């Protein structure tokens, strides 16, 4: 299974809207529209599809319009446990000379 990050969503976009757009590509494993603590949409969602369906959906729906906004659809980057800042100790670490 591959998780797709769907960004630049309108606050009016619902899980039902996304399900209607992604379901023609294959069975959706999970779908979650991100919300803040107050319940407002944060402008992105995560959609899980099998690998082949995810690739097809990503190619077909990148830039597609939903509720007046062009969606950004990319593969979600999973946390690999690797430090993102490189070097010893990561960001802000002092180097010995």
Protein backbone atom coordinates (compact mmCIF):
# COMPACT_ATOMS: atom_id res chain seq x y z
CA UNK A 1 0.00 0.00 0.00
CA UNK A 2 1.11 3.53 -0.79
CA UNK A 3 -0.03 6.63 1.04
CA UNK A 4 -0.60 9.73 -1.06
CA UNK A 5 -0.40 13.24 0.34
CA UNK A 6 -3.13 15.38 -1.22
CA UNK A 7 -2.40 19.05 -0.62
CA UNK A 8 -3.81 22.47 -1.45
CA UNK A 9 -7.31 21.34 -0.53
CA UNK A 10 -10.14 23.78 -0.06
CA UNK A 11 -11.50 23.97 3.49
CA UNK A 12 -14.79 22.82 1.96
CA UNK A 13 -13.35 19.55 0.60
CA UNK A 14 -14.73 16.50 2.38
CA UNK A 15 -13.70 12.88 2.70
CA UNK A 16 -16.66 12.01 0.45
CA UNK A 17 -15.35 14.36 -2.25
CA UNK A 18 -11.92 12.75 -2.12
CA UNK A 19 -13.36 9.24 -2.04
CA UNK A 20 -15.31 10.03 -5.21
CA UNK A 21 -12.14 11.25 -6.95
CA UNK A 22 -9.81 8.42 -5.85
CA UNK A 23 -12.10 5.36 -5.82
CA UNK A 24 -12.14 4.92 -9.63
CA UNK A 25 -8.41 4.06 -9.41
CA UNK A 26 -8.81 1.24 -6.89
CA UNK A 27 -9.93 0.29 -3.43
CA UNK A 28 -9.07 2.92 -0.84
CA UNK A 29 -7.35 1.44 2.22
CA UNK A 30 -7.78 4.57 4.32
CA UNK A 31 -8.58 8.21 3.78
CA UNK A 32 -8.10 10.98 6.33
CA UNK A 33 -8.69 14.71 5.94
CA UNK A 34 -6.38 16.48 8.39
CA UNK A 35 -8.08 18.78 10.89
CA UNK A 36 -6.76 21.06 13.60
CA UNK A 37 -7.87 20.87 17.24
CA UNK A 38 -10.79 23.18 16.55
CA UNK A 39 -12.02 20.83 13.80
CA UNK A 40 -11.05 23.09 10.87
CA UNK A 41 -9.60 21.48 7.75
CA UNK A 42 -5.82 21.93 7.51
CA UNK A 43 -5.74 21.82 3.71
CA UNK A 44 -4.43 18.31 3.14
CA UNK A 45 -5.47 14.68 3.28
CA UNK A 46 -3.82 11.25 3.25
CA UNK A 47 -5.18 8.59 0.91
CA UNK A 48 -3.95 4.99 0.97
CA UNK A 49 -4.19 2.88 -2.21
CA UNK A 50 -2.37 -0.18 -3.50
CA UNK A 51 0.93 0.70 -5.18
CA UNK A 52 -0.21 0.52 -8.81
CA UNK A 53 -3.47 2.40 -8.15
CA UNK A 54 -1.57 5.09 -6.22
CA UNK A 55 0.81 5.70 -9.12
CA UNK A 56 -2.05 5.91 -11.61
CA UNK A 57 -4.12 8.18 -9.35
CA UNK A 58 -1.16 10.46 -8.66
CA UNK A 59 -0.45 10.90 -12.36
CA UNK A 60 -4.12 11.48 -13.22
CA UNK A 61 -5.10 13.76 -10.34
CA UNK A 62 -2.03 15.96 -9.84
CA UNK A 63 -3.32 19.44 -10.62
CA UNK A 64 -6.95 18.31 -10.85
CA UNK A 65 -9.42 20.82 -9.49
CA UNK A 66 -11.56 20.14 -6.41
CA UNK A 67 -13.79 22.85 -4.96
CA UNK A 68 -11.95 25.55 -6.92
CA UNK A 69 -8.37 24.53 -6.07
CA UNK A 70 -5.76 22.53 -7.99
CA UNK A 71 -4.75 19.54 -5.87
CA UNK A 72 -1.14 18.61 -5.26
CA UNK A 73 -0.82 14.81 -5.16
CA UNK A 74 2.50 13.22 -4.16
CA UNK A 75 3.71 10.11 -2.35
CA UNK A 76 3.72 10.70 1.41
CA UNK A 77 7.23 10.66 2.83
CA UNK A 78 7.36 8.18 5.69
CA UNK A 79 9.58 8.87 8.65
CA UNK A 80 12.66 6.73 8.15
CA UNK A 81 14.29 7.52 11.47
CA UNK A 82 17.18 9.19 9.65
CA UNK A 83 18.11 12.68 10.79
CA UNK A 84 17.14 15.21 8.16
CA UNK A 85 19.84 17.73 8.88
CA UNK A 86 22.86 15.52 8.30
CA UNK A 87 26.20 15.83 9.99
CA UNK A 88 26.93 14.88 13.56
CA UNK A 89 24.18 15.57 15.99
CA UNK A 90 21.97 17.15 13.38
CA UNK A 91 20.95 20.78 13.17
CA UNK A 92 22.71 23.26 15.37
CA UNK A 93 25.35 20.83 16.59
CA UNK A 94 28.78 22.31 17.17
CA UNK A 95 31.68 20.71 15.39
CA UNK A 96 34.97 20.01 17.06
CA UNK A 97 38.01 21.41 15.32
